Amino acid sequence: LSGRVVNAVVGLAYIALTYRSLGKEAAGVLVLI
């Protein structure tokens, strides 16, 4: 859990960076791949 707490925060950070930078359509393509 100690590692996953860090992972949860960092994971949401890179997902937010991906969605905010690419937009919903392009981010959706990345999610599908």
Full PDB file with SEQRES, HELIX, SHEET, SSBOND, CRYST1, ORIGX, SCALE, CONECT and MASTER records, all heavy atoms in Angstrom:
SEQRES   1 A   33  LEU SER GLY ARG VAL VAL ASN ALA VAL VAL GLY LEU ALA          
SEQRES   2 A   33  TYR ILE ALA LEU THR TYR ARG SER LEU GLY LYS GLU ALA          
SEQRES   3 A   33  ALA GLY VAL LEU VAL LEU ILE                                  
HELIX    1 AA1 SER A    2  LEU A   32  1                                  31    
CRYST1    1.000    1.000    1.000  90.00  90.00  90.00 P 1           1          
ORIGX1      1.000000  0.000000  0.000000        0.00000                         
ORIGX2      0.000000  1.000000  0.000000        0.00000                         
ORIGX3      0.000000  0.000000  1.000000        0.00000                         
SCALE1      1.000000  0.000000  0.000000        0.00000                         
SCALE2      0.000000  1.000000  0.000000        0.00000                         
SCALE3      0.000000  0.000000  1.000000        0.00000                         
ATOM      1  N   LEU A   1       0.819  -1.209   0.000  1.00  0.00           N  
ATOM      2  CA  LEU A   1       0.000   0.000   0.000  1.00  0.00           C  
ATOM      3  C   LEU A   1       0.854   1.261   0.000  1.00  0.00           C  
ATOM      4  O   LEU A   1       0.521   2.247  -0.668  1.00  0.00           O  
ATOM      5  CB  LEU A   1      -0.935  -0.005   1.209  1.00  0.00           C  
ATOM      6  CG  LEU A   1      -1.843   1.218   1.368  1.00  0.00           C  
ATOM      7  CD1 LEU A   1      -2.751   1.357   0.156  1.00  0.00           C  
ATOM      8  CD2 LEU A   1      -2.655   1.099   2.649  1.00  0.00           C  
ATOM      9  N   SER A   2       1.958   1.225   0.730  1.00  0.00           N  
ATOM     10  CA  SER A   2       2.815   2.411   0.781  1.00  0.00           C  
ATOM     11  C   SER A   2       3.309   2.789  -0.613  1.00  0.00           C  
ATOM     12  O   SER A   2       3.406   3.971  -0.945  1.00  0.00           O  
ATOM     13  CB  SER A   2       4.017   2.149   1.707  1.00  0.00           C  
ATOM     14  OG  SER A   2       4.840   1.118   1.183  1.00  0.00           O  
ATOM     15  N   GLY A   3       3.611   1.758  -1.427  1.00  0.00           N  
ATOM     16  CA  GLY A   3       4.020   2.043  -2.799  1.00  0.00           C  
ATOM     17  C   GLY A   3       2.857   2.414  -3.688  1.00  0.00           C  
ATOM     18  O   GLY A   3       2.978   3.269  -4.576  1.00  0.00           O  
ATOM     19  N   ARG A   4       1.702   1.780  -3.438  1.00  0.00           N  
ATOM     20  CA  ARG A   4       0.554   2.050  -4.295  1.00  0.00           C  
ATOM     21  C   ARG A   4      -0.050   3.432  -4.038  1.00  0.00           C  
ATOM     22  O   ARG A   4      -0.690   3.996  -4.921  1.00  0.00           O  
ATOM     23  CB  ARG A   4      -0.503   0.967  -4.097  1.00  0.00           C  
ATOM     24  CG  ARG A   4      -0.038  -0.436  -4.492  1.00  0.00           C  
ATOM     25  CD  ARG A   4       0.384  -0.511  -5.943  1.00  0.00           C  
ATOM     26  NE  ARG A   4       0.968  -1.802  -6.251  1.00  0.00           N  
ATOM     27  CZ  ARG A   4       0.296  -2.851  -6.719  1.00  0.00           C  
ATOM     28  NH1 ARG A   4      -1.003  -2.775  -6.909  1.00  0.00           N  
ATOM     29  NH2 ARG A   4       0.924  -3.977  -6.989  1.00  0.00           N  
ATOM     30  N   VAL A   5       0.096   3.942  -2.811  1.00  0.00           N  
ATOM     31  CA  VAL A   5      -0.378   5.303  -2.558  1.00  0.00           C  
ATOM     32  C   VAL A   5       0.383   6.284  -3.438  1.00  0.00           C  
ATOM     33  O   VAL A   5      -0.199   7.166  -4.082  1.00  0.00           O  
ATOM     34  CB  VAL A   5      -0.206   5.669  -1.062  1.00  0.00           C  
ATOM     35  CG1 VAL A   5      -0.427   7.151  -0.852  1.00  0.00           C  
ATOM     36  CG2 VAL A   5      -1.177   4.869  -0.206  1.00  0.00           C  
ATOM     37  N   VAL A   6       1.699   6.105  -3.468  1.00  0.00           N  
ATOM     38  CA  VAL A   6       2.522   6.932  -4.352  1.00  0.00           C  
ATOM     39  C   VAL A   6       2.112   6.699  -5.803  1.00  0.00           C  
ATOM     40  O   VAL A   6       1.964   7.639  -6.597  1.00  0.00           O  
ATOM     41  CB  VAL A   6       4.021   6.619  -4.162  1.00  0.00           C  
ATOM     42  CG1 VAL A   6       4.867   7.414  -5.145  1.00  0.00           C  
ATOM     43  CG2 VAL A   6       4.437   6.922  -2.732  1.00  0.00           C  
ATOM     44  N   ASN A   7       1.903   5.419  -6.159  1.00  0.00           N  
ATOM     45  CA  ASN A   7       1.536   5.079  -7.534  1.00  0.00           C  
ATOM     46  C   ASN A   7       0.201   5.698  -7.929  1.00  0.00           C  
ATOM     47  O   ASN A   7       0.024   6.145  -9.064  1.00  0.00           O  
ATOM     48  CB  ASN A   7       1.477   3.566  -7.691  1.00  0.00           C  
ATOM     49  CG  ASN A   7       1.056   3.145  -9.082  1.00  0.00           C  
ATOM     50  OD1 ASN A   7       1.722   3.437 -10.054  1.00  0.00           O  
ATOM     51  ND2 ASN A   7      -0.071   2.456  -9.177  1.00  0.00           N  
ATOM     52  N   ALA A   8      -0.768   5.702  -6.988  1.00  0.00           N  
ATOM     53  CA  ALA A   8      -2.079   6.269  -7.294  1.00  0.00           C  
ATOM     54  C   ALA A   8      -1.978   7.747  -7.632  1.00  0.00           C  
ATOM     55  O   ALA A   8      -2.574   8.229  -8.599  1.00  0.00           O  
ATOM     56  CB  ALA A   8      -3.022   6.050  -6.114  1.00  0.00           C  
ATOM     57  N   VAL A   9      -1.201   8.466  -6.821  1.00  0.00           N  
ATOM     58  CA  VAL A   9      -1.045   9.907  -7.058  1.00  0.00           C  
ATOM     59  C   VAL A   9      -0.307  10.165  -8.367  1.00  0.00           C  
ATOM     60  O   VAL A   9      -0.743  10.957  -9.208  1.00  0.00           O  
ATOM     61  CB  VAL A   9      -0.302  10.566  -5.881  1.00  0.00           C  
ATOM     62  CG1 VAL A   9      -0.038  12.037  -6.174  1.00  0.00           C  
ATOM     63  CG2 VAL A   9      -1.104  10.416  -4.595  1.00  0.00           C  
ATOM     64  N   VAL A  10       0.815   9.467  -8.529  1.00  0.00           N  
ATOM     65  CA  VAL A  10       1.623   9.664  -9.738  1.00  0.00           C  
ATOM     66  C   VAL A  10       0.869   9.165 -10.971  1.00  0.00           C  
ATOM     67  O   VAL A  10       0.939   9.767 -12.041  1.00  0.00           O  
ATOM     68  CB  VAL A  10       2.983   8.947  -9.594  1.00  0.00           C  
ATOM     69  CG1 VAL A  10       3.812   9.119 -10.855  1.00  0.00           C  
ATOM     70  CG2 VAL A  10       3.743   9.494  -8.395  1.00  0.00           C  
ATOM     71  N   GLY A  11       0.133   8.032 -10.795  1.00  0.00           N  
ATOM     72  CA  GLY A  11      -0.643   7.509 -11.915  1.00  0.00           C  
ATOM     73  C   GLY A  11      -1.694   8.491 -12.391  1.00  0.00           C  
ATOM     74  O   GLY A  11      -1.863   8.698 -13.596  1.00  0.00           O  
ATOM     75  N   LEU A  12      -2.408   9.101 -11.468  1.00  0.00           N  
ATOM     76  CA  LEU A  12      -3.391  10.113 -11.861  1.00  0.00           C  
ATOM     77  C   LEU A  12      -2.715  11.317 -12.511  1.00  0.00           C  
ATOM     78  O   LEU A  12      -3.283  11.950 -13.403  1.00  0.00           O  
ATOM     79  CB  LEU A  12      -4.196  10.549 -10.633  1.00  0.00           C  
ATOM     80  CG  LEU A  12      -5.215   9.536 -10.110  1.00  0.00           C  
ATOM     81  CD1 LEU A  12      -5.841  10.037  -8.818  1.00  0.00           C  
ATOM     82  CD2 LEU A  12      -6.292   9.260 -11.141  1.00  0.00           C  
ATOM     83  N   ALA A  13      -1.486  11.601 -12.076  1.00  0.00           N  
ATOM     84  CA  ALA A  13      -0.765  12.741 -12.651  1.00  0.00           C  
ATOM     85  C   ALA A  13      -0.441  12.496 -14.118  1.00  0.00           C  
ATOM     86  O   ALA A  13      -0.659  13.372 -14.976  1.00  0.00           O  
ATOM     87  CB  ALA A  13       0.526  12.993 -11.857  1.00  0.00           C  
ATOM     88  N   TYR A  14       0.088  11.298 -14.445  1.00  0.00           N  
ATOM     89  CA  TYR A  14       0.441  11.084 -15.853  1.00  0.00           C  
ATOM     90  C   TYR A  14      -0.805  10.916 -16.725  1.00  0.00           C  
ATOM     91  O   TYR A  14      -0.807  11.281 -17.907  1.00  0.00           O  
ATOM     92  CB  TYR A  14       1.425   9.917 -16.020  1.00  0.00           C  
ATOM     93  CG  TYR A  14       0.881   8.517 -15.970  1.00  0.00           C  
ATOM     94  CD1 TYR A  14       0.127   7.993 -17.019  1.00  0.00           C  
ATOM     95  CD2 TYR A  14       1.172   7.666 -14.904  1.00  0.00           C  
ATOM     96  CE1 TYR A  14      -0.344   6.693 -16.990  1.00  0.00           C  
ATOM     97  CE2 TYR A  14       0.712   6.367 -14.858  1.00  0.00           C  
ATOM     98  CZ  TYR A  14      -0.052   5.887 -15.908  1.00  0.00           C  
ATOM     99  OH  TYR A  14      -0.499   4.591 -15.877  1.00  0.00           O  
ATOM    100  N   ILE A  15      -1.882  10.394 -16.129  1.00  0.00           N  
ATOM    101  CA  ILE A  15      -3.129  10.299 -16.888  1.00  0.00           C  
ATOM    102  C   ILE A  15      -3.693  11.695 -17.154  1.00  0.00           C  
ATOM    103  O   ILE A  15      -4.152  12.004 -18.265  1.00  0.00           O  
ATOM    104  CB  ILE A  15      -4.142   9.428 -16.132  1.00  0.00           C  
ATOM    105  CG1 ILE A  15      -3.708   7.966 -16.188  1.00  0.00           C  
ATOM    106  CG2 ILE A  15      -5.543   9.577 -16.717  1.00  0.00           C  
ATOM    107  CD1 ILE A  15      -4.547   7.054 -15.337  1.00  0.00           C  
ATOM    108  N   ALA A  16      -3.649  12.553 -16.131  1.00  0.00           N  
ATOM    109  CA  ALA A  16      -4.126  13.921 -16.312  1.00  0.00           C  
ATOM    110  C   ALA A  16      -3.291  14.660 -17.358  1.00  0.00           C  
ATOM    111  O   ALA A  16      -3.830  15.387 -18.201  1.00  0.00           O  
ATOM    112  CB  ALA A  16      -4.082  14.665 -14.981  1.00  0.00           C  
ATOM    113  N   LEU A  17      -1.968  14.471 -17.319  1.00  0.00           N  
ATOM    114  CA  LEU A  17      -1.095  15.095 -18.325  1.00  0.00           C  
ATOM    115  C   LEU A  17      -1.452  14.609 -19.729  1.00  0.00           C  
ATOM    116  O   LEU A  17      -1.497  15.398 -20.684  1.00  0.00           O  
ATOM    117  CB  LEU A  17       0.373  14.766 -18.022  1.00  0.00           C  
ATOM    118  CG  LEU A  17       1.042  15.547 -16.897  1.00  0.00           C  
ATOM    119  CD1 LEU A  17       2.380  14.906 -16.531  1.00  0.00           C  
ATOM    120  CD2 LEU A  17       1.251  17.005 -17.312  1.00  0.00           C  
ATOM    121  N   THR A  18      -1.735  13.317 -19.842  1.00  0.00           N  
ATOM    122  CA  THR A  18      -2.075  12.743 -21.146  1.00  0.00           C  
ATOM    123  C   THR A  18      -3.387  13.322 -21.664  1.00  0.00           C  
ATOM    124  O   THR A  18      -3.465  13.770 -22.823  1.00  0.00           O  
ATOM    125  CB  THR A  18      -2.187  11.205 -21.038  1.00  0.00           C  
ATOM    126  OG1 THR A  18      -0.931  10.670 -20.592  1.00  0.00           O  
ATOM    127  CG2 THR A  18      -2.544  10.597 -22.383  1.00  0.00           C  
ATOM    128  N   TYR A  19      -4.409  13.344 -20.809  1.00  0.00           N  
ATOM    129  CA  TYR A  19      -5.720  13.809 -21.257  1.00  0.00           C  
ATOM    130  C   TYR A  19      -5.729  15.313 -21.540  1.00  0.00           C  
ATOM    131  O   TYR A  19      -6.323  15.771 -22.520  1.00  0.00           O  
ATOM    132  CB  TYR A  19      -6.779  13.476 -20.200  1.00  0.00           C  
ATOM    133  CG  TYR A  19      -7.287  12.056 -20.287  1.00  0.00           C  
ATOM    134  CD1 TYR A  19      -6.569  11.017 -19.697  1.00  0.00           C  
ATOM    135  CD2 TYR A  19      -8.449  11.740 -20.959  1.00  0.00           C  
ATOM    136  CE1 TYR A  19      -7.005   9.709 -19.767  1.00  0.00           C  
ATOM    137  CE2 TYR A  19      -8.904  10.428 -21.038  1.00  0.00           C  
ATOM    138  CZ  TYR A  19      -8.177   9.419 -20.445  1.00  0.00           C  
ATOM    139  OH  TYR A  19      -8.612   8.118 -20.522  1.00  0.00           O  
ATOM    140  N   ARG A  20      -5.071  16.075 -20.684  1.00  0.00           N  
ATOM    141  CA  ARG A  20      -5.064  17.527 -20.874  1.00  0.00           C  
ATOM    142  C   ARG A  20      -4.257  17.927 -22.098  1.00  0.00           C  
ATOM    143  O   ARG A  20      -4.560  18.930 -22.760  1.00  0.00           O  
ATOM    144  CB  ARG A  20      -4.499  18.220 -19.628  1.00  0.00           C  
ATOM    145  CG  ARG A  20      -5.424  18.151 -18.413  1.00  0.00           C  
ATOM    146  CD  ARG A  20      -4.769  18.740 -17.176  1.00  0.00           C  
ATOM    147  NE  ARG A  20      -5.613  18.636 -15.998  1.00  0.00           N  
ATOM    148  CZ  ARG A  20      -6.447  19.586 -15.594  1.00  0.00           C  
ATOM    149  NH1 ARG A  20      -6.543  20.712 -16.282  1.00  0.00           N  
ATOM    150  NH2 ARG A  20      -7.178  19.419 -14.511  1.00  0.00           N  
ATOM    151  N   SER A  21      -3.214  17.155 -22.420  1.00  0.00           N  
ATOM    152  CA  SER A  21      -2.351  17.507 -23.556  1.00  0.00           C  
ATOM    153  C   SER A  21      -2.921  17.035 -24.885  1.00  0.00           C  
ATOM    154  O   SER A  21      -2.865  17.764 -25.880  1.00  0.00           O  
ATOM    155  CB  SER A  21      -0.959  16.898 -23.358  1.00  0.00           C  
ATOM    156  OG  SER A  21      -0.360  17.366 -22.180  1.00  0.00           O  
ATOM    157  N   LEU A  22      -3.475  15.831 -24.908  1.00  0.00           N  
ATOM    158  CA  LEU A  22      -3.934  15.260 -26.174  1.00  0.00           C  
ATOM    159  C   LEU A  22      -5.399  15.562 -26.475  1.00  0.00           C  
ATOM    160  O   LEU A  22      -5.808  15.550 -27.635  1.00  0.00           O  
ATOM    161  CB  LEU A  22      -3.733  13.739 -26.152  1.00  0.00           C  
ATOM    162  CG  LEU A  22      -2.293  13.229 -26.126  1.00  0.00           C  
ATOM    163  CD1 LEU A  22      -2.278  11.705 -26.068  1.00  0.00           C  
ATOM    164  CD2 LEU A  22      -1.518  13.716 -27.347  1.00  0.00           C  
ATOM    165  N   GLY A  23      -6.193  15.802 -25.424  1.00  0.00           N  
ATOM    166  CA  GLY A  23      -7.624  15.934 -25.636  1.00  0.00           C  
ATOM    167  C   GLY A  23      -8.297  14.578 -25.568  1.00  0.00           C  
ATOM    168  O   GLY A  23      -7.646  13.538 -25.627  1.00  0.00           O  
ATOM    169  N   LYS A  24      -9.621  14.600 -25.464  1.00  0.00           N  
ATOM    170  CA  LYS A  24     -10.347  13.365 -25.227  1.00  0.00           C  
ATOM    171  C   LYS A  24     -10.221  12.373 -26.374  1.00  0.00           C  
ATOM    172  O   LYS A  24     -10.061  11.166 -26.162  1.00  0.00           O  
ATOM    173  CB  LYS A  24     -11.816  13.673 -24.944  1.00  0.00           C  
ATOM    174  CG  LYS A  24     -12.624  12.433 -24.549  1.00  0.00           C  
ATOM    175  CD  LYS A  24     -14.051  12.788 -24.162  1.00  0.00           C  
ATOM    176  CE  LYS A  24     -14.122  13.412 -22.789  1.00  0.00           C  
ATOM    177  NZ  LYS A  24     -15.527  13.544 -22.309  1.00  0.00           N  
ATOM    178  N   GLU A  25     -10.276  12.828 -27.635  1.00  0.00           N  
ATOM    179  CA  GLU A  25     -10.240  11.910 -28.773  1.00  0.00           C  
ATOM    180  C   GLU A  25      -8.895  11.203 -28.874  1.00  0.00           C  
ATOM    181  O   GLU A  25      -8.816   9.975 -28.962  1.00  0.00           O  
ATOM    182  CB  GLU A  25     -10.537  12.675 -30.068  1.00  0.00           C  
ATOM    183  CG  GLU A  25     -11.988  13.091 -30.234  1.00  0.00           C  
ATOM    184  CD  GLU A  25     -12.915  11.904 -30.452  1.00  0.00           C  
ATOM    185  OE1 GLU A  25     -12.451  10.873 -30.963  1.00  0.00           O  
ATOM    186  OE2 GLU A  25     -14.109  12.011 -30.099  1.00  0.00           O  
ATOM    187  N   ALA A  26      -7.802  11.977 -28.906  1.00  0.00           N  
ATOM    188  CA  ALA A  26      -6.469  11.370 -29.029  1.00  0.00           C  
ATOM    189  C   ALA A  26      -6.119  10.536 -27.806  1.00  0.00           C  
ATOM    190  O   ALA A  26      -5.509   9.461 -27.924  1.00  0.00           O  
ATOM    191  CB  ALA A  26      -5.413  12.455 -29.253  1.00  0.00           C  
ATOM    192  N   ALA A  27      -6.510  11.021 -26.621  1.00  0.00           N  
ATOM    193  CA  ALA A  27      -6.267  10.244 -25.407  1.00  0.00           C  
ATOM    194  C   ALA A  27      -7.051   8.937 -25.448  1.00  0.00           C  
ATOM    195  O   ALA A  27      -6.572   7.899 -24.982  1.00  0.00           O  
ATOM    196  CB  ALA A  27      -6.652  11.051 -24.167  1.00  0.00           C  
ATOM    197  N   GLY A  28      -8.247   8.980 -26.034  1.00  0.00           N  
ATOM    198  CA  GLY A  28      -9.030   7.756 -26.181  1.00  0.00           C  
ATOM    199  C   GLY A  28      -8.349   6.752 -27.087  1.00  0.00           C  
ATOM    200  O   GLY A  28      -8.400   5.546 -26.835  1.00  0.00           O  
ATOM    201  N   VAL A  29      -7.680   7.233 -28.135  1.00  0.00           N  
ATOM    202  CA  VAL A  29      -6.920   6.334 -29.015  1.00  0.00           C  
ATOM    203  C   VAL A  29      -5.780   5.682 -28.238  1.00  0.00           C  
ATOM    204  O   VAL A  29      -5.525   4.477 -28.355  1.00  0.00           O  
ATOM    205  CB  VAL A  29      -6.377   7.099 -30.237  1.00  0.00           C  
ATOM    206  CG1 VAL A  29      -5.455   6.199 -31.070  1.00  0.00           C  
ATOM    207  CG2 VAL A  29      -7.531   7.609 -31.090  1.00  0.00           C  
ATOM    208  N   LEU A  30      -5.063   6.477 -27.434  1.00  0.00           N  
ATOM    209  CA  LEU A  30      -3.984   5.928 -26.622  1.00  0.00           C  
ATOM    210  C   LEU A  30      -4.525   4.865 -25.658  1.00  0.00           C  
ATOM    211  O   LEU A  30      -3.920   3.798 -25.486  1.00  0.00           O  
ATOM    212  CB  LEU A  30      -3.290   7.039 -25.847  1.00  0.00           C  
ATOM    213  CG  LEU A  30      -2.044   6.654 -25.039  1.00  0.00           C  
ATOM    214  CD1 LEU A  30      -1.064   7.824 -24.970  1.00  0.00           C  
ATOM    215  CD2 LEU A  30      -2.401   6.224 -23.621  1.00  0.00           C  
ATOM    216  N   VAL A  31      -5.668   5.152 -25.049  1.00  0.00           N  
ATOM    217  CA  VAL A  31      -6.278   4.200 -24.120  1.00  0.00           C  
ATOM    218  C   VAL A  31      -6.622   2.897 -24.836  1.00  0.00           C  
ATOM    219  O   VAL A  31      -6.400   1.799 -24.318  1.00  0.00           O  
ATOM    220  CB  VAL A  31      -7.534   4.815 -23.474  1.00  0.00           C  
ATOM    221  CG1 VAL A  31      -8.382   3.743 -22.797  1.00  0.00           C  
ATOM    222  CG2 VAL A  31      -7.136   5.870 -22.462  1.00  0.00           C  
ATOM    223  N   LEU A  32      -7.149   3.006 -26.060  1.00  0.00           N  
ATOM    224  CA  LEU A  32      -7.522   1.811 -26.808  1.00  0.00           C  
ATOM    225  C   LEU A  32      -6.299   0.984 -27.195  1.00  0.00           C  
ATOM    226  O   LEU A  32      -6.321  -0.248 -27.128  1.00  0.00           O  
ATOM    227  CB  LEU A  32      -8.308   2.196 -28.063  1.00  0.00           C  
ATOM    228  CG  LEU A  32      -9.713   2.765 -27.829  1.00  0.00           C  
ATOM    229  CD1 LEU A  32     -10.342   3.190 -29.146  1.00  0.00           C  
ATOM    230  CD2 LEU A  32     -10.603   1.738 -27.125  1.00  0.00           C  
ATOM    231  N   ILE A  33      -5.210   1.640 -27.601  1.00  0.00           N  
ATOM    232  CA  ILE A  33      -3.982   0.923 -27.950  1.00  0.00           C  
ATOM    233  C   ILE A  33      -3.393   0.245 -26.717  1.00  0.00           C  
ATOM    234  O   ILE A  33      -2.973  -0.923 -26.763  1.00  0.00           O  
ATOM    235  CB  ILE A  33      -2.960   1.883 -28.589  1.00  0.00           C  
ATOM    236  CG1 ILE A  33      -3.454   2.336 -29.973  1.00  0.00           C  
ATOM    237  CG2 ILE A  33      -1.587   1.223 -28.707  1.00  0.00           C  
ATOM    238  CD1 ILE A  33      -2.566   3.373 -30.639  1.00  0.00           C  
TER     239      ILE A  33                                                      
MASTER        0    0    0    1    0    0    0    6  238    1    0    3          
END                                                                             
